[in-house]
Amino acid sequence: MKKLTKQDLYDILYGCTILGTGGGGALAEGLAMIDDALAKGREFNLVSLDEVPDDAYIATPYMCGAISPLTEEEERKYAAWSPIDEEPCLRAFRAMEKYMGKEFYGVVSTELGGGNTAKAFYVGALAGKYIIDADPAGRSVPELQHSTYYINGLPIAPIAVANQFGDVAILTEVVDDVRAEALVRAMAVASKNHIGVVDHPAQAKDLKKAVIPGAISYALKLGQAFREAKEQGKDLAEALCQAGNGVVLFRGTVRDFGWDTIDGFTVGETLLEGTGDYAGSTYKVWYKNEHIIAWRNGEIDVTVPDLICMVCDDTKEPITNPNYQVGMRVSVFALPAPAEWRTEKGLECFGPKHFGYNIDYVPIEKKFR
């Protein structure tokens, strides 16, 4: 067991934001949640999978919804309801414990993202639970079924959901994870595009077979590399590629960008114009909450499940969607996907064909080395 320091927690969330590939929630909100829990005297205790008793129950708390802001018209639709003073994920977690009649041992993050990993950590700290050093994605992902839980057959139900207005529901059964995605997404759309979720309640003996071990430690490693490179004035993209066995894809400025909120997702694309060694070339990244596919000069360059990441070379910070500005200087780099996503089942679930592109996935190691 490791008691995480504030520096550890900040490094983890920075690493998660990089691994979030543009999604995974806002880093600033995640850091604020960490600060709030620490101010309340709460602890963040990280345990490895090997330390968790097999009969211990673990659940997965997170937020589901779009990552883009609401329009003024959409904000007005919810003006009649005041927000509760409790984090919806925490309310959903307590509802799940009550429904199952069990006290959970710990929590596991549903993905690695600056906001969503912080949600799981916050629930763990406020509820006095351990944080498990694992996750079912190894990155951020847009849909509920994009998880190693799904490809390993761990049931998603029961599912507890709670929104910022205080509505709480338990889905006792669902047909499958794809139906769960549709049902929970619909509830998010009716809740200002954000809803707290707790799913995959399971005993550790089952969960251990369905997650990526060491995922939080990997995020910590990348976050430390990012911080040290920033402190030493080094190239951020190069440092992160060295830490994560990645490759720099492109450097340039934002020429154009656009996005919309569609069915509870933030969908958009960003067009870059090359500078320096990349002058005369263009690069385009399409995202559905997270970066999914990138094109170099009109030709597909990198696809999911590999990670397409961006850092801003002006602010020296990772970029989340859709927070671009024309003229912003950025570096784009790719990190290899966890091995679980490169299996036949993993690619069927989270490969380019899932998003409507009838192309084969080519790992970045094969394409660039």
Protein backbone atom coordinates (compact mmCIF):
# COMPACT_ATOMS: atom_id res chain seq x y z
CA MET A 1 0.00 0.00 0.00
CA LYS A 2 1.26 3.46 -0.88
CA LYS A 3 -0.17 6.65 0.58
CA LEU A 4 -0.12 9.08 -2.33
CA THR A 5 1.32 12.55 -1.75
CA LYS A 6 -0.14 15.67 -3.33
CA GLN A 7 2.77 15.63 -5.82
CA ASP A 8 2.04 11.98 -6.66
CA LEU A 9 -1.63 12.83 -7.22
CA TYR A 10 -0.86 15.82 -9.43
CA ASP A 11 1.64 13.77 -11.46
CA ILE A 12 -0.91 10.97 -11.86
CA LEU A 13 -3.57 13.35 -13.14
CA TYR A 14 -1.16 15.01 -15.57
CA GLY A 15 -0.17 11.55 -16.81
CA CYS A 16 -3.85 10.64 -17.10
CA THR A 17 -4.57 13.81 -19.08
CA ILE A 18 -1.86 12.88 -21.58
CA LEU A 19 -3.20 9.31 -21.75
CA GLY A 20 -6.70 10.80 -22.08
CA THR A 21 -5.93 11.61 -25.76
CA GLY A 22 -8.01 14.79 -25.59
CA GLY A 23 -10.81 13.32 -23.46
CA GLY A 24 -11.19 11.94 -19.96
CA GLY A 25 -12.47 15.16 -18.43
CA ALA A 26 -10.94 18.48 -17.45
CA LEU A 27 -7.60 18.39 -15.63
CA ALA A 28 -8.40 21.59 -13.68
CA GLU A 29 -11.55 20.01 -12.28
CA GLY A 30 -9.63 16.87 -11.35
CA LEU A 31 -6.93 18.81 -9.52
CA ALA A 32 -9.61 20.81 -7.68
CA MET A 33 -11.20 17.57 -6.45
CA ILE A 34 -7.83 16.35 -5.16
CA ASP A 35 -7.31 19.66 -3.35
CA ASP A 36 -10.81 19.49 -1.86
CA ALA A 37 -10.32 15.96 -0.50
CA LEU A 38 -6.89 16.82 0.95
CA ALA A 39 -8.34 19.95 2.58
CA LYS A 40 -10.93 17.70 4.25
CA GLY A 41 -8.11 15.58 5.68
CA ARG A 42 -8.80 12.56 3.46
CA GLU A 43 -6.12 10.12 2.28
CA PHE A 44 -5.49 8.50 -1.09
CA ASN A 45 -4.17 4.97 -0.55
CA LEU A 46 -3.05 3.03 -3.64
CA VAL A 47 -2.86 -0.77 -3.56
CA SER A 48 -1.67 -3.22 -6.20
CA LEU A 49 -3.93 -6.00 -7.42
CA ASP A 50 -1.77 -8.52 -5.56
CA GLU A 51 -2.57 -6.81 -2.26
CA VAL A 52 -6.35 -7.03 -2.69
CA PRO A 53 -8.05 -10.03 -0.98
CA ASP A 54 -9.85 -12.22 -3.52
CA ASP A 55 -13.18 -11.92 -1.70
CA ALA A 56 -13.05 -8.10 -1.51
CA TYR A 57 -15.67 -6.16 -3.48
CA ILE A 58 -14.56 -3.40 -5.83
CA ALA A 59 -16.61 -0.96 -7.91
CA THR A 60 -15.88 1.48 -10.73
CA PRO A 61 -17.10 5.09 -10.25
CA TYR A 62 -16.89 7.66 -13.08
CA MET A 63 -18.64 10.43 -14.95
CA CYS A 64 -20.31 9.78 -18.30
CA GLY A 65 -21.17 12.46 -20.83
CA ALA A 66 -19.86 15.02 -23.29
CA ILE A 67 -16.73 17.06 -22.58
CA SER A 68 -17.86 20.23 -24.38
CA PRO A 69 -19.64 23.14 -22.64
CA LEU A 70 -23.41 23.62 -22.85
CA THR A 71 -24.89 26.45 -24.88
CA GLU A 72 -26.78 29.24 -23.08
CA GLU A 73 -30.04 27.79 -24.43
CA GLU A 74 -29.21 24.37 -22.97
CA GLU A 75 -28.23 25.93 -19.62
CA ARG A 76 -31.64 27.64 -19.43
CA LYS A 77 -33.43 24.26 -19.68
CA TYR A 78 -32.01 23.26 -16.29
CA ALA A 79 -32.42 26.58 -14.46
CA ALA A 80 -35.33 25.28 -12.35
CA TRP A 81 -33.21 22.64 -10.56
CA SER A 82 -30.46 23.41 -8.05
CA PRO A 83 -27.36 21.21 -7.90
CA ILE A 84 -26.84 18.97 -4.87
CA ASP A 85 -23.82 19.56 -2.62
CA GLU A 86 -22.49 16.02 -3.09
CA GLU A 87 -20.41 14.65 -5.94
CA PRO A 88 -22.82 12.55 -8.07
CA CYS A 89 -20.29 9.71 -8.40
CA LEU A 90 -20.07 9.49 -4.59
CA ARG A 91 -23.86 9.44 -4.30
CA ALA A 92 -24.02 6.68 -6.90
CA PHE A 93 -21.32 4.73 -5.05
CA ARG A 94 -23.26 4.89 -1.79
CA ALA A 95 -26.44 3.89 -3.60
CA MET A 96 -24.63 0.85 -5.00
CA GLU A 97 -23.36 -0.22 -1.57
CA LYS A 98 -26.88 0.11 -0.19
CA TYR A 99 -28.40 -1.85 -3.07
CA MET A 100 -25.90 -4.70 -2.81
CA GLY A 101 -25.85 -4.70 0.97
CA LYS A 102 -22.06 -4.84 0.91
CA GLU A 103 -19.26 -2.52 1.92
CA PHE A 104 -16.77 -2.14 -0.88
CA TYR A 105 -13.05 -2.55 -0.29
CA GLY A 106 -11.90 -0.20 -3.02
CA VAL A 107 -12.47 1.60 -6.28
CA VAL A 108 -10.92 1.30 -9.73
CA SER A 109 -10.88 4.08 -12.32
CA THR A 110 -12.89 3.35 -15.46
CA GLU A 111 -10.28 5.04 -17.68
CA LEU A 112 -7.20 7.25 -17.47
CA GLY A 113 -8.25 10.88 -17.79
CA GLY A 114 -7.52 14.09 -15.89
CA GLY A 115 -11.13 14.42 -14.76
CA ASN A 116 -12.45 10.87 -14.70
CA THR A 117 -9.57 9.26 -12.83
CA ALA A 118 -9.91 12.06 -10.26
CA LYS A 119 -13.59 11.13 -9.83
CA ALA A 120 -12.66 7.59 -8.82
CA PHE A 121 -9.88 8.85 -6.55
CA TYR A 122 -12.25 11.36 -4.93
CA VAL A 123 -14.88 8.71 -4.26
CA GLY A 124 -12.20 6.44 -2.81
CA ALA A 125 -10.83 9.15 -0.54
CA LEU A 126 -14.21 10.48 0.65
CA ALA A 127 -15.60 6.98 1.24
CA GLY A 128 -12.41 5.73 2.92
CA LYS A 129 -11.70 3.06 0.27
CA TYR A 130 -8.50 1.86 -1.34
CA ILE A 131 -7.62 2.93 -4.88
CA ILE A 132 -6.68 -0.05 -7.03
CA ASP A 133 -3.60 0.27 -9.25
CA ALA A 134 -5.38 -0.87 -12.42
CA ASP A 135 -8.02 0.21 -14.91
CA PRO A 136 -10.02 -1.38 -17.75
CA ALA A 137 -8.79 0.88 -20.57
CA GLY A 138 -5.18 2.03 -20.14
CA ARG A 139 -6.25 5.33 -21.70
CA SER A 140 -9.50 7.28 -22.11
CA VAL A 141 -12.27 5.80 -24.24
CA PRO A 142 -15.59 7.23 -25.46
CA GLU A 143 -18.13 4.43 -24.85
CA LEU A 144 -18.97 2.18 -21.88
CA GLN A 145 -18.28 -1.03 -23.78
CA HIS A 146 -14.76 0.13 -24.66
CA SER A 147 -13.24 -1.69 -21.73
CA THR A 148 -11.27 -4.79 -20.89
CA TYR A 149 -14.21 -5.66 -18.65
CA TYR A 150 -16.26 -6.08 -21.82
CA ILE A 151 -13.72 -8.09 -23.80
CA ASN A 152 -13.16 -10.35 -20.77
CA GLY A 153 -16.87 -10.84 -20.06
CA LEU A 154 -17.15 -9.18 -16.62
CA PRO A 155 -20.81 -8.17 -16.17
CA ILE A 156 -21.43 -4.43 -16.15
CA ALA A 157 -24.66 -4.58 -14.07
CA PRO A 158 -25.94 -3.64 -11.63
CA ILE A 159 -25.30 -0.01 -12.52
CA ALA A 160 -25.96 2.95 -10.20
CA VAL A 161 -26.37 6.42 -11.71
CA ALA A 162 -26.82 9.81 -10.02
CA ASN A 163 -26.89 13.30 -11.46
CA GLN A 164 -26.18 16.76 -10.07
CA PHE A 165 -29.87 17.37 -9.33
CA GLY A 166 -30.13 14.38 -6.98
CA ASP A 167 -31.87 11.87 -9.25
CA VAL A 168 -30.62 8.35 -8.49
CA ALA A 169 -31.39 5.10 -10.33
CA ILE A 170 -30.21 1.49 -10.21
CA LEU A 171 -30.22 -0.58 -13.38
CA THR A 172 -30.44 -4.06 -11.91
CA GLU A 173 -29.97 -5.80 -15.26
CA VAL A 174 -28.97 -4.84 -18.81
CA VAL A 175 -28.88 -6.95 -21.96
CA ASP A 176 -25.21 -6.17 -22.59
CA ASP A 177 -22.63 -3.37 -22.40
CA VAL A 178 -23.80 -1.85 -25.69
CA ARG A 179 -27.32 -1.44 -24.27
CA ALA A 180 -25.79 -0.11 -21.05
CA GLU A 181 -23.98 2.55 -23.10
CA ALA A 182 -27.24 3.60 -24.77
CA LEU A 183 -29.20 3.72 -21.51
CA VAL A 184 -26.60 5.55 -19.41
CA ARG A 185 -25.82 7.97 -22.26
CA ALA A 186 -29.52 8.84 -22.51
CA MET A 187 -29.58 9.62 -18.79
CA ALA A 188 -26.47 11.79 -19.22
CA VAL A 189 -28.13 13.75 -22.03
CA ALA A 190 -31.08 14.44 -19.69
CA SER A 191 -28.65 15.59 -16.96
CA LYS A 192 -26.65 18.42 -18.58
CA ASN A 193 -24.56 15.83 -20.43
CA HIS A 194 -22.97 14.62 -17.18
CA ILE A 195 -23.98 11.78 -14.93
CA GLY A 196 -22.22 9.92 -12.14
CA VAL A 197 -21.98 6.17 -12.71
CA VAL A 198 -20.86 3.18 -10.66
CA ASP A 199 -20.73 -0.14 -12.46
CA HIS A 200 -18.94 -3.51 -12.61
CA PRO A 201 -19.29 -4.26 -8.88
CA ALA A 202 -17.30 -7.47 -8.50
CA GLN A 203 -15.15 -9.53 -6.23
CA ALA A 204 -11.43 -9.05 -6.72
CA LYS A 205 -10.92 -12.66 -7.83
CA ASP A 206 -13.02 -11.92 -10.91
CA LEU A 207 -11.96 -8.33 -11.47
CA LYS A 208 -8.25 -9.21 -11.42
CA LYS A 209 -8.74 -11.20 -14.64
CA ALA A 210 -10.42 -8.31 -16.44
CA VAL A 211 -8.30 -5.19 -15.88
CA ILE A 212 -4.92 -3.78 -16.91
CA PRO A 213 -2.62 -4.04 -13.86
CA GLY A 214 -0.37 -1.12 -12.94
CA ALA A 215 -2.31 1.45 -14.97
CA ILE A 216 -2.13 4.15 -12.27
CA SER A 217 1.61 3.58 -11.80
CA TYR A 218 2.04 4.01 -15.57
CA ALA A 219 0.15 7.32 -15.44
CA LEU A 220 2.41 8.39 -12.55
CA LYS A 221 5.50 7.55 -14.62
CA LEU A 222 4.30 9.69 -17.55
CA GLY A 223 3.22 12.53 -15.26
CA GLN A 224 6.63 12.58 -13.58
CA ALA A 225 8.35 12.60 -16.98
CA PHE A 226 6.14 15.50 -18.08
CA ARG A 227 6.84 17.54 -14.92
CA GLU A 228 10.58 16.95 -14.98
CA ALA A 229 10.83 17.84 -18.69
CA LYS A 230 8.83 21.01 -18.07
CA GLU A 231 11.01 21.99 -15.09
CA GLN A 232 14.19 21.39 -17.10
CA GLY A 233 12.95 23.18 -20.22
CA LYS A 234 13.13 20.02 -22.32
CA ASP A 235 10.95 19.05 -25.28
CA LEU A 236 7.71 17.72 -23.74
CA ALA A 237 6.67 15.48 -26.62
CA GLU A 238 10.12 13.90 -26.87
CA ALA A 239 10.26 13.29 -23.11
CA LEU A 240 6.83 11.67 -23.09
CA CYS A 241 7.68 9.48 -26.09
CA GLN A 242 10.84 8.35 -24.32
CA ALA A 243 8.88 7.51 -21.17
CA GLY A 244 6.06 5.74 -23.02
CA ASN A 245 7.87 4.18 -26.03
CA GLY A 246 6.04 6.53 -28.37
CA VAL A 247 6.80 8.50 -31.52
CA VAL A 248 6.46 12.19 -32.39
CA LEU A 249 4.00 12.51 -35.27
CA PHE A 250 3.77 16.20 -36.11
CA ARG A 251 4.52 19.75 -35.00
CA GLY A 252 2.64 22.79 -36.18
CA THR A 253 -0.05 25.35 -35.48
CA VAL A 254 -3.82 25.06 -35.37
CA ARG A 255 -5.20 26.26 -38.71
CA ASP A 256 -8.86 25.42 -38.06
CA PHE A 257 -11.06 23.44 -35.71
CA GLY A 258 -14.73 22.65 -35.17
CA TRP A 259 -16.90 20.54 -32.90
CA ASP A 260 -20.48 19.76 -31.94
CA THR A 261 -22.24 17.88 -29.16
CA ILE A 262 -23.94 14.87 -30.78
CA ASP A 263 -25.95 12.29 -28.83
CA GLY A 264 -24.03 13.00 -25.63
CA PHE A 265 -20.56 13.00 -27.22
CA THR A 266 -18.24 15.85 -28.19
CA VAL A 267 -17.41 15.22 -31.85
CA GLY A 268 -15.01 17.36 -33.86
CA GLU A 269 -11.79 17.69 -35.78
CA THR A 270 -8.66 19.82 -35.61
CA LEU A 271 -6.55 20.79 -38.63
CA LEU A 272 -2.87 21.61 -38.15
CA GLU A 273 -0.37 23.31 -40.45
CA GLY A 274 3.21 22.09 -40.16
CA THR A 275 6.14 24.16 -38.96
CA GLY A 276 9.89 23.51 -38.87
CA ASP A 277 10.64 20.00 -40.18
CA TYR A 278 6.92 19.59 -40.91
CA ALA A 279 6.48 22.80 -42.96
CA GLY A 280 4.37 22.27 -46.07
CA SER A 281 2.42 19.37 -44.50
CA THR A 282 -0.97 19.24 -42.82
CA TYR A 283 -2.30 17.02 -40.06
CA LYS A 284 -5.93 16.38 -39.08
CA VAL A 285 -7.24 14.68 -35.95
CA TRP A 286 -10.86 13.52 -35.61
CA TYR A 287 -12.27 12.92 -32.16
CA LYS A 288 -15.30 11.47 -30.44
CA ASN A 289 -14.52 12.79 -26.96
CA GLU A 290 -11.07 11.16 -27.44
CA HIS A 291 -8.79 11.30 -30.49
CA ILE A 292 -9.73 8.41 -32.76
CA ILE A 293 -8.00 8.82 -36.16
CA ALA A 294 -5.29 11.13 -37.54
CA TRP A 295 -4.48 11.99 -41.18
CA ARG A 296 -1.17 13.26 -42.55
CA ASN A 297 -1.59 15.18 -45.83
CA GLY A 298 -4.96 13.48 -46.33
CA GLU A 299 -3.70 9.92 -45.72
CA ILE A 300 -4.62 7.99 -42.58
CA ASP A 301 -1.61 8.04 -40.26
CA VAL A 302 -2.57 6.61 -36.83
CA THR A 303 -5.78 5.08 -35.48
CA VAL A 304 -7.22 3.71 -32.28
CA PRO A 305 -6.49 1.80 -30.20
CA ASP A 306 -3.05 3.50 -30.26
CA LEU A 307 -3.05 6.78 -28.38
CA ILE A 308 -2.97 10.07 -30.34
CA CYS A 309 -1.82 12.72 -27.84
CA MET A 310 -1.23 16.47 -28.00
CA VAL A 311 0.62 19.03 -25.92
CA CYS A 312 0.49 22.80 -26.36
CA ASP A 313 3.97 24.20 -26.98
CA ASP A 314 2.82 27.70 -25.96
CA THR A 315 1.42 26.89 -22.50
CA LYS A 316 3.46 23.70 -21.94
CA GLU A 317 0.28 21.85 -20.96
CA PRO A 318 -1.58 18.82 -22.36
CA ILE A 319 -4.59 19.72 -24.52
CA THR A 320 -8.12 18.45 -24.00
CA ASN A 321 -10.90 18.68 -26.58
CA PRO A 322 -12.31 21.01 -27.83
CA ASN A 323 -10.03 23.63 -26.27
CA TYR A 324 -8.10 24.87 -29.30
CA GLN A 325 -7.28 28.32 -30.64
CA VAL A 326 -6.24 29.21 -34.16
CA GLY A 327 -2.49 29.73 -34.20
CA MET A 328 -1.86 27.58 -31.09
CA ARG A 329 1.47 25.76 -31.38
CA VAL A 330 1.10 22.03 -30.75
CA SER A 331 3.07 18.79 -30.88
CA VAL A 332 1.29 15.54 -31.73
CA PHE A 333 2.68 12.19 -30.65
CA ALA A 334 1.50 8.60 -30.41
CA LEU A 335 1.85 6.05 -27.62
CA PRO A 336 1.30 2.30 -28.09
CA ALA A 337 -2.04 0.86 -26.98
CA PRO A 338 -2.09 -1.67 -24.14
CA ALA A 339 -1.71 -5.25 -25.39
CA GLU A 340 -5.33 -6.05 -24.46
CA TRP A 341 -6.59 -3.67 -27.19
CA ARG A 342 -4.43 -5.29 -29.87
CA THR A 343 -6.10 -8.69 -29.60
CA GLU A 344 -8.80 -9.75 -32.07
CA LYS A 345 -11.54 -9.04 -29.50
CA GLY A 346 -9.92 -5.78 -28.49
CA LEU A 347 -9.77 -4.51 -32.08
CA GLU A 348 -13.32 -5.64 -32.78
CA CYS A 349 -14.43 -3.56 -29.80
CA PHE A 350 -12.16 -0.51 -30.14
CA GLY A 351 -10.48 -0.59 -33.55
CA PRO A 352 -11.05 1.81 -36.47
CA LYS A 353 -13.87 -0.33 -37.91
CA HIS A 354 -15.98 0.33 -34.79
CA PHE A 355 -16.02 4.00 -35.80
CA GLY A 356 -17.04 3.32 -39.40
CA TYR A 357 -13.60 3.24 -41.04
CA ASN A 358 -13.13 0.04 -43.04
CA ILE A 359 -9.37 -0.09 -42.60
CA ASP A 360 -7.01 -2.40 -40.76
CA TYR A 361 -5.23 -1.24 -37.64
CA VAL A 362 -1.46 -0.83 -38.01
CA PRO A 363 0.49 -0.56 -34.71
CA ILE A 364 2.71 2.50 -34.48
CA GLU A 365 5.80 0.35 -33.91
CA LYS A 366 5.23 -1.30 -37.29
CA LYS A 367 4.46 1.94 -39.12
CA PHE A 368 7.24 4.16 -37.78
CA ARG A 369 10.14 1.84 -36.91
